[in-house]
Amino acid sequence: MTGGLGFIGRHLCRALAERDYDVLCVDRALSGEEVAEPHAAGVTTVRADVSVDPLAPLLEGADAVIHLAALPGVRTMHPLTDLWRHNAHATARLADALGTGRRLVLASTSSVYGNASRIPTPEDSPTSPLNPYAVTKVAAESVSLACARRGADIVVCRLFTVFGPGQRLDMAFSRWIDAVDRGRPVPWCAPPDARREFTYVDDAVGGLAAALERGRPGEIYNLAGTGSTPVRGALAEIEGLLGCRARLSTRPAFSEAAVTAACNRKAYEELAYVPRVGLREGLERQIEAALGLLAAPLAAA
């Protein structure tokens, strides 16, 4: 698994180990502390950058690869060459190295849809990326699907905004929880009508595992949450769980979709994928993990 020390990767490594897979966790950003702290029995961690390092030693003995490694962030201004190298070029290298005999599961993003014309959005909707990050993820998908048309065993999963314990500190829920808890202004750049499909991390992990085991080569699957929610409503849930009102600090908007909403039919029919953790329950778990305790109003509920 590439990117196995990231937010989703840590959860997925543990889940696959619990299914008796032997997992090689490959990540380019290892600290000594991370190396010393194994995920679980059955998981081996090595430092490597799949965009530049030799792949043959990493792939020796591997039956399949789940490719999570990427330079993430719609709202982070990474250099374009870095985005291309880590998101598109690395995917092309893996697809080329794996050939036609071993499965590649590519973790992509709902950002490829842009402002989708169909809501909820099915997988056959056209891509219309609105920012450089999404452009490079479209490129990663395109090279993967082109290889699949030539016989490669590649499955693409489009993840919608994933949340839960261990979420990256630069992501919205992590920043909001920290700001509300400390009584600091919440950085706010979403338009009033913004909505997001929020997917709890355990559900996303289950979908990726299902794609590994049951996905059809050359197919794309949305990994949805339990429904599209107003972004302001998500902040209200955090306010209620923490028992504090947020003070908003308005920032300029980013080039991203106003609404994301996934059609889950294909993943349900072909992967038996059913998201089970709703927004409030998932936020309870994320807050508990982030703060080590829950606010008094929640504890009394």
Protein backbone atom coordinates (compact mmCIF):
# COMPACT_ATOMS: atom_id res chain seq x y z
CA MET A 1 0.00 0.00 0.00
CA THR A 2 1.36 3.40 -0.95
CA GLY A 3 0.63 6.29 1.38
CA GLY A 4 0.04 3.83 4.18
CA LEU A 5 1.03 6.30 6.92
CA GLY A 6 -1.56 8.85 5.86
CA PHE A 7 -5.00 9.37 7.36
CA ILE A 8 -6.84 6.74 5.31
CA GLY A 9 -3.77 4.54 4.91
CA ARG A 10 -3.32 3.90 8.63
CA HIS A 11 -6.93 2.79 8.97
CA LEU A 12 -6.73 0.65 5.83
CA CYS A 13 -3.48 -1.05 6.87
CA ARG A 14 -5.08 -2.14 10.13
CA ALA A 15 -8.26 -3.28 8.42
CA LEU A 16 -6.42 -5.39 5.84
CA ALA A 17 -4.16 -6.90 8.51
CA GLU A 18 -7.29 -7.91 10.42
CA ARG A 19 -8.43 -9.68 7.24
CA ASP A 20 -5.17 -11.67 7.31
CA TYR A 21 -3.46 -9.80 4.49
CA ASP A 22 0.30 -9.30 4.70
CA VAL A 23 0.64 -5.57 4.08
CA LEU A 24 3.73 -3.66 2.96
CA CYS A 25 3.13 -0.03 3.91
CA VAL A 26 5.14 2.29 1.66
CA ASP A 27 5.35 5.97 2.52
CA ARG A 28 7.79 8.73 1.63
CA ALA A 29 7.31 10.79 4.82
CA LEU A 30 8.56 8.59 7.62
CA SER A 31 9.87 9.91 10.88
CA GLY A 32 11.72 7.72 13.34
CA GLU A 33 8.68 7.70 15.59
CA GLU A 34 6.42 6.46 12.80
CA VAL A 35 8.83 3.68 11.85
CA ALA A 36 9.02 2.58 15.47
CA GLU A 37 5.24 2.42 15.81
CA PRO A 38 3.90 -0.43 13.66
CA HIS A 39 0.29 -0.40 12.53
CA ALA A 40 -0.47 -3.98 13.53
CA ALA A 41 0.78 -7.51 13.20
CA GLY A 42 1.03 -8.32 9.52
CA VAL A 43 2.08 -4.79 8.48
CA THR A 44 5.66 -3.93 7.46
CA THR A 45 6.57 -0.27 6.89
CA VAL A 46 9.28 1.00 4.54
CA ARG A 47 10.31 4.44 3.40
CA ALA A 48 10.11 5.04 -0.34
CA ASP A 49 8.80 7.58 -2.81
CA VAL A 50 6.98 5.78 -5.62
CA SER A 51 7.33 8.82 -7.89
CA VAL A 52 11.14 8.40 -8.10
CA ASP A 53 12.43 5.31 -6.28
CA PRO A 54 12.89 1.89 -7.92
CA LEU A 55 9.61 -0.01 -7.79
CA ALA A 56 10.78 -3.57 -8.47
CA PRO A 57 12.04 -4.20 -4.90
CA LEU A 58 8.78 -2.86 -3.46
CA LEU A 59 6.59 -4.94 -5.76
CA GLU A 60 8.50 -8.19 -5.32
CA GLY A 61 6.05 -10.77 -4.03
CA ALA A 62 3.10 -8.36 -4.12
CA ASP A 63 -0.24 -9.63 -5.42
CA ALA A 64 -1.86 -6.19 -5.58
CA VAL A 65 -1.27 -2.51 -4.84
CA ILE A 66 -3.62 0.00 -3.25
CA HIS A 67 -2.33 3.40 -4.32
CA LEU A 68 -3.22 6.07 -1.77
CA ALA A 69 -0.02 8.12 -2.00
CA ALA A 70 -0.63 11.60 -3.38
CA LEU A 71 0.09 15.24 -2.78
CA PRO A 72 -3.32 16.11 -1.32
CA GLY A 73 -5.30 19.25 -0.90
CA VAL A 74 -7.67 21.24 -3.07
CA ARG A 75 -6.86 24.28 -0.91
CA THR A 76 -3.07 23.97 -0.76
CA MET A 77 -0.97 25.77 -3.36
CA HIS A 78 1.64 23.14 -4.15
CA PRO A 79 3.97 23.74 -7.11
CA LEU A 80 2.40 22.32 -10.26
CA THR A 81 5.41 20.13 -10.99
CA ASP A 82 5.14 18.56 -7.53
CA LEU A 83 1.43 17.88 -7.98
CA TRP A 84 2.10 16.25 -11.34
CA ARG A 85 4.99 14.12 -10.07
CA HIS A 86 3.25 12.75 -6.99
CA ASN A 87 -0.29 12.39 -8.37
CA ALA A 88 -0.02 11.60 -12.07
CA HIS A 89 3.55 10.47 -12.73
CA ALA A 90 3.69 8.14 -9.71
CA THR A 91 0.46 6.47 -10.80
CA ALA A 92 1.80 5.96 -14.32
CA ARG A 93 4.98 4.37 -12.92
CA LEU A 94 2.98 1.93 -10.81
CA ALA A 95 0.65 1.01 -13.65
CA ASP A 96 3.63 0.40 -15.92
CA ALA A 97 5.50 -1.66 -13.32
CA LEU A 98 2.52 -3.86 -12.45
CA GLY A 99 1.71 -4.72 -16.05
CA THR A 100 -1.31 -6.95 -16.60
CA GLY A 101 -0.92 -9.60 -13.93
CA ARG A 102 -1.53 -7.78 -10.64
CA ARG A 103 -4.30 -5.52 -9.41
CA LEU A 104 -3.93 -1.78 -8.84
CA VAL A 105 -6.60 0.04 -6.84
CA LEU A 106 -6.27 3.78 -7.40
CA ALA A 107 -7.69 6.11 -4.77
CA SER A 108 -9.03 9.12 -6.64
CA THR A 109 -11.30 11.97 -5.61
CA SER A 110 -14.72 13.51 -6.13
CA SER A 111 -12.85 16.70 -7.08
CA VAL A 112 -12.55 15.32 -10.61
CA TYR A 113 -16.26 16.04 -11.16
CA GLY A 114 -15.99 19.79 -10.50
CA ASN A 115 -19.43 21.40 -10.52
CA ALA A 116 -21.23 18.27 -11.65
CA SER A 117 -24.31 18.67 -13.83
CA ARG A 118 -25.96 15.61 -12.26
CA ILE A 119 -26.72 15.48 -8.53
CA PRO A 120 -26.31 12.87 -7.07
CA THR A 121 -23.36 12.30 -9.38
CA PRO A 122 -22.84 8.87 -11.00
CA GLU A 123 -19.48 7.58 -12.16
CA ASP A 124 -20.19 8.16 -15.85
CA SER A 125 -20.56 11.92 -15.36
CA PRO A 126 -17.98 13.97 -17.25
CA THR A 127 -14.93 15.17 -15.36
CA SER A 128 -14.48 18.92 -15.06
CA PRO A 129 -11.64 19.69 -12.63
CA LEU A 130 -11.58 23.18 -11.13
CA ASN A 131 -8.06 23.29 -9.66
CA PRO A 132 -4.58 21.89 -10.35
CA TYR A 133 -4.91 19.10 -7.76
CA ALA A 134 -8.05 17.79 -9.45
CA VAL A 135 -6.42 18.07 -12.88
CA THR A 136 -3.60 15.78 -11.78
CA LYS A 137 -6.06 13.27 -10.33
CA VAL A 138 -7.94 13.22 -13.64
CA ALA A 139 -4.62 12.52 -15.32
CA ALA A 140 -3.92 9.66 -12.89
CA GLU A 141 -7.33 8.18 -13.64
CA SER A 142 -6.88 8.60 -17.38
CA VAL A 143 -3.57 6.77 -17.55
CA SER A 144 -4.94 4.02 -15.30
CA LEU A 145 -8.05 3.49 -17.39
CA ALA A 146 -6.01 3.57 -20.61
CA CYS A 147 -3.85 0.77 -19.20
CA ALA A 148 -6.98 -1.13 -18.18
CA ARG A 149 -8.24 -0.98 -21.75
CA ARG A 150 -5.00 -2.75 -22.74
CA GLY A 151 -5.55 -5.52 -20.21
CA ALA A 152 -4.25 -4.14 -16.91
CA ASP A 153 -6.19 -5.04 -13.77
CA ILE A 154 -6.93 -1.55 -12.46
CA VAL A 155 -9.87 -0.31 -10.39
CA VAL A 156 -10.51 3.36 -9.59
CA CYS A 157 -12.27 4.53 -6.42
CA ARG A 158 -13.45 8.13 -6.11
CA LEU A 159 -13.41 9.21 -2.48
CA PHE A 160 -15.67 11.95 -1.20
CA THR A 161 -14.63 14.15 1.74
CA VAL A 162 -13.34 11.59 4.24
CA PHE A 163 -13.44 12.34 7.96
CA GLY A 164 -12.95 10.58 11.28
CA PRO A 165 -10.22 9.94 13.87
CA GLY A 166 -6.75 10.75 12.58
CA GLN A 167 -7.93 13.19 9.92
CA ARG A 168 -5.13 15.42 8.62
CA LEU A 169 -4.75 18.60 10.65
CA ASP A 170 -5.10 20.77 7.54
CA MET A 171 -8.57 19.40 6.72
CA ALA A 172 -11.70 21.36 7.58
CA PHE A 173 -13.16 19.28 10.41
CA SER A 174 -9.81 19.05 12.21
CA ARG A 175 -9.30 22.81 11.97
CA TRP A 176 -12.88 23.56 13.04
CA ILE A 177 -12.78 21.23 16.03
CA ASP A 178 -9.53 22.76 17.22
CA ALA A 179 -10.74 26.34 16.71
CA VAL A 180 -14.13 25.86 18.39
CA ASP A 181 -12.58 24.00 21.31
CA ARG A 182 -10.00 26.77 21.86
CA GLY A 183 -12.47 29.61 21.33
CA ARG A 184 -10.61 30.82 18.27
CA PRO A 185 -12.12 32.02 14.98
CA VAL A 186 -13.04 29.28 12.53
CA PRO A 187 -11.49 29.88 9.08
CA TRP A 188 -14.45 29.93 6.70
CA CYS A 189 -14.30 30.05 2.91
CA ALA A 190 -17.38 28.06 1.83
CA PRO A 191 -20.27 29.76 -0.01
CA PRO A 192 -23.62 29.86 1.84
CA ASP A 193 -25.14 27.05 -0.26
CA ALA A 194 -22.13 24.69 -0.11
CA ARG A 195 -22.89 21.02 0.48
CA ARG A 196 -20.55 18.05 0.85
CA GLU A 197 -20.78 14.29 0.76
CA PHE A 198 -18.89 13.38 3.95
CA THR A 199 -17.65 9.78 4.11
CA TYR A 200 -16.57 8.29 7.43
CA VAL A 201 -13.11 6.77 7.24
CA ASP A 202 -14.20 3.23 8.20
CA ASP A 203 -16.73 3.29 5.37
CA ALA A 204 -14.12 4.50 2.88
CA VAL A 205 -11.75 1.77 4.07
CA GLY A 206 -14.45 -0.85 3.60
CA GLY A 207 -15.06 0.39 0.08
CA LEU A 208 -11.38 0.26 -0.85
CA ALA A 209 -11.10 -3.27 0.53
CA ALA A 210 -14.19 -4.28 -1.46
CA ALA A 211 -12.67 -2.79 -4.62
CA LEU A 212 -9.52 -4.81 -3.99
CA GLU A 213 -11.49 -8.02 -3.62
CA ARG A 214 -14.50 -7.56 -5.90
CA GLY A 215 -14.02 -4.57 -8.19
CA ARG A 216 -14.20 -5.09 -11.95
CA PRO A 217 -11.08 -4.14 -13.93
CA GLY A 218 -11.39 -0.82 -15.73
CA GLU A 219 -14.29 0.38 -13.59
CA ILE A 220 -14.76 3.48 -11.43
CA TYR A 221 -16.63 3.41 -8.12
CA ASN A 222 -17.91 6.28 -6.00
CA LEU A 223 -17.36 5.64 -2.29
CA ALA A 224 -20.19 7.71 -0.87
CA GLY A 225 -21.13 8.76 2.62
CA THR A 226 -24.63 8.64 4.05
CA GLY A 227 -25.78 11.74 2.17
CA SER A 228 -24.86 15.25 1.10
CA THR A 229 -24.96 17.77 3.97
CA PRO A 230 -24.86 21.59 4.07
CA VAL A 231 -21.35 22.60 5.12
CA ARG A 232 -22.77 25.09 7.61
CA GLY A 233 -24.83 22.25 9.07
CA ALA A 234 -21.66 20.21 9.61
CA LEU A 235 -20.16 23.09 11.58
CA ALA A 236 -23.38 23.31 13.60
CA GLU A 237 -22.96 19.64 14.53
CA ILE A 238 -19.45 20.38 15.80
CA GLU A 239 -20.77 23.34 17.77
CA GLY A 240 -23.44 21.17 19.36
CA LEU A 241 -21.06 18.35 20.23
CA LEU A 242 -18.54 20.72 21.81
CA GLY A 243 -21.17 22.91 23.46
CA CYS A 244 -19.61 26.08 21.99
CA ARG A 245 -20.61 28.58 19.32
CA ALA A 246 -18.17 29.18 16.49
CA ARG A 247 -16.86 32.59 15.50
CA LEU A 248 -16.30 32.67 11.75
CA SER A 249 -13.31 34.29 10.09
CA THR A 250 -14.30 34.67 6.45
CA ARG A 251 -11.63 33.90 3.86
CA PRO A 252 -11.68 34.08 0.04
CA ALA A 253 -13.30 31.06 -1.61
CA PHE A 254 -11.24 28.39 -3.36
CA SER A 255 -11.80 26.93 -6.83
CA GLU A 256 -13.83 23.91 -5.79
CA ALA A 257 -17.31 22.52 -6.32
CA ALA A 258 -20.19 24.15 -4.47
CA VAL A 259 -21.96 20.80 -4.08
CA THR A 260 -20.74 17.21 -3.95
CA ALA A 261 -23.22 14.35 -3.75
CA ALA A 262 -22.43 10.78 -4.74
CA CYS A 263 -24.63 8.27 -6.49
CA ASN A 264 -23.85 5.03 -4.67
CA ARG A 265 -25.80 2.60 -6.86
CA LYS A 266 -22.87 1.09 -8.75
CA ALA A 267 -20.72 0.53 -5.65
CA TYR A 268 -23.72 -0.98 -3.86
CA GLU A 269 -24.56 -3.35 -6.71
CA GLU A 270 -21.01 -4.44 -7.60
CA LEU A 271 -19.08 -4.09 -4.34
CA ALA A 272 -21.92 -4.51 -1.82
CA TYR A 273 -20.75 -1.15 -0.48
CA VAL A 274 -23.09 0.40 2.09
CA PRO A 275 -21.88 3.41 4.13
CA ARG A 276 -23.02 3.00 7.73
CA VAL A 277 -21.65 5.86 9.83
CA GLY A 278 -23.51 9.14 9.59
CA LEU A 279 -22.11 12.62 10.06
CA ARG A 280 -23.01 13.13 13.73
CA GLU A 281 -21.77 9.72 14.87
CA GLY A 282 -18.56 10.13 12.90
CA LEU A 283 -17.95 13.59 14.31
CA GLU A 284 -18.46 12.27 17.84
CA ARG A 285 -15.69 9.76 17.21
CA GLN A 286 -13.39 12.31 15.59
CA ILE A 287 -13.87 14.79 18.44
CA GLU A 288 -13.28 12.12 21.05
CA ALA A 289 -10.07 11.06 19.32
CA ALA A 290 -8.90 14.66 18.83
CA LEU A 291 -9.64 15.97 22.31
CA GLY A 292 -9.64 12.83 24.42
CA LEU A 293 -13.04 13.67 25.84
CA LEU A 294 -16.47 14.86 24.77
CA ALA A 295 -18.24 18.02 25.79
CA ALA A 296 -20.60 17.82 28.75
CA PRO A 297 -23.79 18.26 26.66
CA LEU A 298 -22.83 15.24 24.55
CA ALA A 299 -21.88 13.13 27.58
CA ALA A 300 -25.28 13.83 29.09
CA ALA A 301 -27.19 13.02 25.91
